[in-house]
Amino acid sequence: MRIKTESPNFKAGDKVSLGIHPENITLLPASGSEDQDEKIHSAHVNNIINNGPKKRITLKLVRYDNTLIAEVPAQFVDSLELHAGDFCLVRLEMNKVVTFRNF
């Protein structure tokens, strides 16, 4: 995944890792398209863990082969009828992405 960041702490070519809090990942119905918006990506649902009023969902981004964990209200996941093995779309709030330098 290639993301342009502005930080005085990094130089061009530095290797970094990206982090995003689970609540800054939004699930969307698979009926949409990732071509509409650069923040939207196709994902495969690896697993879903019930966590009270929320569900933790492990997702693998199709295009980038990265794994994410989203935390989503259980009612919303149920309304999408989402299960392990399904595909969905995810929107990443890019202004909430944090970068870490790899040493």
C-alpha atoms as a PDB file:
ATOM      1  CA  MET A   1       0.000   0.000   0.000  1.00  0.00           C
ATOM      2  CA  ARG A   2       1.402   3.389  -0.868  1.00  0.00           C
ATOM      3  CA  ILE A   3       0.284   6.379   1.186  1.00  0.00           C
ATOM      4  CA  LYS A   4       1.690   9.866   1.091  1.00  0.00           C
ATOM      5  CA  THR A   5       2.311  11.253   4.572  1.00  0.00           C
ATOM      6  CA  GLU A   6       3.646  14.577   5.680  1.00  0.00           C
ATOM      7  CA  SER A   7       5.929  14.287   8.653  1.00  0.00           C
ATOM      8  CA  PRO A   8       9.210  16.003   9.456  1.00  0.00           C
ATOM      9  CA  ASN A   9      10.367  12.768  11.117  1.00  0.00           C
ATOM     10  CA  PHE A  10      10.473  10.735   7.891  1.00  0.00           C
ATOM     11  CA  LYS A  11      12.560  10.966   4.749  1.00  0.00           C
ATOM     12  CA  ALA A  12      11.631   9.742   1.275  1.00  0.00           C
ATOM     13  CA  GLY A  13      12.315   6.010   1.112  1.00  0.00           C
ATOM     14  CA  ASP A  14      12.015   5.342   4.863  1.00  0.00           C
ATOM     15  CA  LYS A  15      10.301   2.052   5.620  1.00  0.00           C
ATOM     16  CA  VAL A  16       7.293   2.558   7.844  1.00  0.00           C
ATOM     17  CA  SER A  17       4.347   0.650   9.273  1.00  0.00           C
ATOM     18  CA  LEU A  18       0.848   2.059   9.319  1.00  0.00           C
ATOM     19  CA  GLY A  19      -1.660   1.817  12.132  1.00  0.00           C
ATOM     20  CA  ILE A  20      -5.325   2.676  12.348  1.00  0.00           C
ATOM     21  CA  HIS A  21      -7.648   2.214  15.316  1.00  0.00           C
ATOM     22  CA  PRO A  22     -10.367  -0.408  14.710  1.00  0.00           C
ATOM     23  CA  GLU A  23     -13.115   2.168  15.214  1.00  0.00           C
ATOM     24  CA  ASN A  24     -11.739   4.211  12.273  1.00  0.00           C
ATOM     25  CA  ILE A  25     -12.517   1.394   9.831  1.00  0.00           C
ATOM     26  CA  THR A  26     -16.023   1.434   8.343  1.00  0.00           C
ATOM     27  CA  LEU A  27     -17.643  -1.624   6.770  1.00  0.00           C
ATOM     28  CA  LEU A  28     -19.744  -1.145   3.648  1.00  0.00           C
ATOM     29  CA  PRO A  29     -22.034  -3.519   1.743  1.00  0.00           C
ATOM     30  CA  ALA A  30     -20.193  -5.462  -0.960  1.00  0.00           C
ATOM     31  CA  SER A  31     -22.607  -4.057  -3.559  1.00  0.00           C
ATOM     32  CA  GLY A  32     -20.516  -0.879  -3.939  1.00  0.00           C
ATOM     33  CA  SER A  33     -17.216  -0.400  -5.730  1.00  0.00           C
ATOM     34  CA  GLU A  34     -13.748   0.448  -4.480  1.00  0.00           C
ATOM     35  CA  ASP A  35     -13.135   2.411  -7.697  1.00  0.00           C
ATOM     36  CA  GLN A  36     -15.372   5.249  -6.451  1.00  0.00           C
ATOM     37  CA  ASP A  37     -13.071   6.428  -3.679  1.00  0.00           C
ATOM     38  CA  GLU A  38      -9.395   5.871  -2.847  1.00  0.00           C
ATOM     39  CA  LYS A  39     -10.358   5.312   0.818  1.00  0.00           C
ATOM     40  CA  ILE A  40     -12.525   2.290  -0.072  1.00  0.00           C
ATOM     41  CA  HIS A  41     -10.999  -1.176  -0.432  1.00  0.00           C
ATOM     42  CA  SER A  42     -12.278  -4.709  -1.077  1.00  0.00           C
ATOM     43  CA  ALA A  43     -11.684  -7.079   1.819  1.00  0.00           C
ATOM     44  CA  HIS A  44     -12.135 -10.737   2.701  1.00  0.00           C
ATOM     45  CA  VAL A  45     -13.615 -11.438   6.151  1.00  0.00           C
ATOM     46  CA  ASN A  46     -11.292 -13.858   7.947  1.00  0.00           C
ATOM     47  CA  ASN A  47     -13.224 -14.087  11.203  1.00  0.00           C
ATOM     48  CA  ILE A  48     -15.761 -12.338  13.412  1.00  0.00           C
ATOM     49  CA  ILE A  49     -15.568 -12.322  17.201  1.00  0.00           C
ATOM     50  CA  ASN A  50     -18.583 -11.309  19.276  1.00  0.00           C
ATOM     51  CA  ASN A  51     -17.540  -8.752  21.847  1.00  0.00           C
ATOM     52  CA  GLY A  52     -20.767  -7.675  23.552  1.00  0.00           C
ATOM     53  CA  PRO A  53     -22.364  -4.751  21.707  1.00  0.00           C
ATOM     54  CA  LYS A  54     -19.497  -4.739  19.187  1.00  0.00           C
ATOM     55  CA  LYS A  55     -17.859  -7.293  16.940  1.00  0.00           C
ATOM     56  CA  ARG A  56     -14.150  -7.487  16.118  1.00  0.00           C
ATOM     57  CA  ILE A  57     -13.680  -8.449  12.502  1.00  0.00           C
ATOM     58  CA  THR A  58     -10.376  -9.548  11.008  1.00  0.00           C
ATOM     59  CA  LEU A  59     -10.198  -8.447   7.374  1.00  0.00           C
ATOM     60  CA  LYS A  60      -7.641  -9.023   4.637  1.00  0.00           C
ATOM     61  CA  LEU A  61      -7.417  -6.268   2.041  1.00  0.00           C
ATOM     62  CA  VAL A  62      -7.596  -7.904  -1.370  1.00  0.00           C
ATOM     63  CA  ARG A  63      -5.444  -5.490  -3.352  1.00  0.00           C
ATOM     64  CA  TYR A  64      -2.685  -4.979  -0.787  1.00  0.00           C
ATOM     65  CA  ASP A  65      -2.638  -8.303   1.093  1.00  0.00           C
ATOM     66  CA  ASN A  66      -2.726  -6.440   4.432  1.00  0.00           C
ATOM     67  CA  THR A  67      -4.691  -7.568   7.478  1.00  0.00           C
ATOM     68  CA  LEU A  68      -6.870  -5.184   9.482  1.00  0.00           C
ATOM     69  CA  ILE A  69      -9.023  -5.546  12.566  1.00  0.00           C
ATOM     70  CA  ALA A  70     -12.233  -3.519  12.657  1.00  0.00           C
ATOM     71  CA  GLU A  71     -14.475  -2.939  15.637  1.00  0.00           C
ATOM     72  CA  VAL A  72     -18.080  -2.461  14.548  1.00  0.00           C
ATOM     73  CA  PRO A  73     -21.453  -2.299  16.302  1.00  0.00           C
ATOM     74  CA  ALA A  74     -22.916  -5.822  16.364  1.00  0.00           C
ATOM     75  CA  GLN A  75     -26.290  -4.660  15.007  1.00  0.00           C
ATOM     76  CA  PHE A  76     -24.592  -3.182  11.944  1.00  0.00           C
ATOM     77  CA  VAL A  77     -22.645  -6.373  11.227  1.00  0.00           C
ATOM     78  CA  ASP A  78     -25.846  -8.372  11.625  1.00  0.00           C
ATOM     79  CA  SER A  79     -27.703  -6.017   9.244  1.00  0.00           C
ATOM     80  CA  LEU A  80     -25.014  -6.641   6.602  1.00  0.00           C
ATOM     81  CA  GLU A  81     -25.439 -10.406   7.182  1.00  0.00           C
ATOM     82  CA  LEU A  82     -21.653 -10.618   7.215  1.00  0.00           C
ATOM     83  CA  HIS A  83     -19.938 -13.943   7.946  1.00  0.00           C
ATOM     84  CA  ALA A  84     -16.412 -15.344   7.863  1.00  0.00           C
ATOM     85  CA  GLY A  85     -15.493 -16.069   4.254  1.00  0.00           C
ATOM     86  CA  ASP A  86     -17.557 -13.179   2.848  1.00  0.00           C
ATOM     87  CA  PHE A  87     -16.251 -10.207   0.928  1.00  0.00           C
ATOM     88  CA  CYS A  88     -17.121  -6.634   1.836  1.00  0.00           C
ATOM     89  CA  LEU A  89     -15.832  -3.131   1.309  1.00  0.00           C
ATOM     90  CA  VAL A  90     -14.008  -1.137   3.965  1.00  0.00           C
ATOM     91  CA  ARG A  91     -13.460   2.593   4.205  1.00  0.00           C
ATOM     92  CA  LEU A  92     -10.309   3.690   6.004  1.00  0.00           C
ATOM     93  CA  GLU A  93     -10.303   7.140   7.577  1.00  0.00           C
ATOM     94  CA  MET A  94      -6.922   8.100   6.133  1.00  0.00           C
ATOM     95  CA  ASN A  95      -6.640  11.230   8.282  1.00  0.00           C
ATOM     96  CA  LYS A  96      -6.626   8.862  11.286  1.00  0.00           C
ATOM     97  CA  VAL A  97      -3.727   6.681  10.021  1.00  0.00           C
ATOM     98  CA  VAL A  98      -0.626   6.767  12.222  1.00  0.00           C
ATOM     99  CA  THR A  99       2.836   6.002  10.828  1.00  0.00           C
ATOM    100  CA  PHE A 100       5.681   4.292  12.666  1.00  0.00           C
ATOM    101  CA  ARG A 101       9.266   4.037  11.400  1.00  0.00           C
ATOM    102  CA  ASN A 102      10.575   0.480  10.998  1.00  0.00           C
ATOM    103  CA  PHE A 103      14.003   0.033  12.568  1.00  0.00           C
END
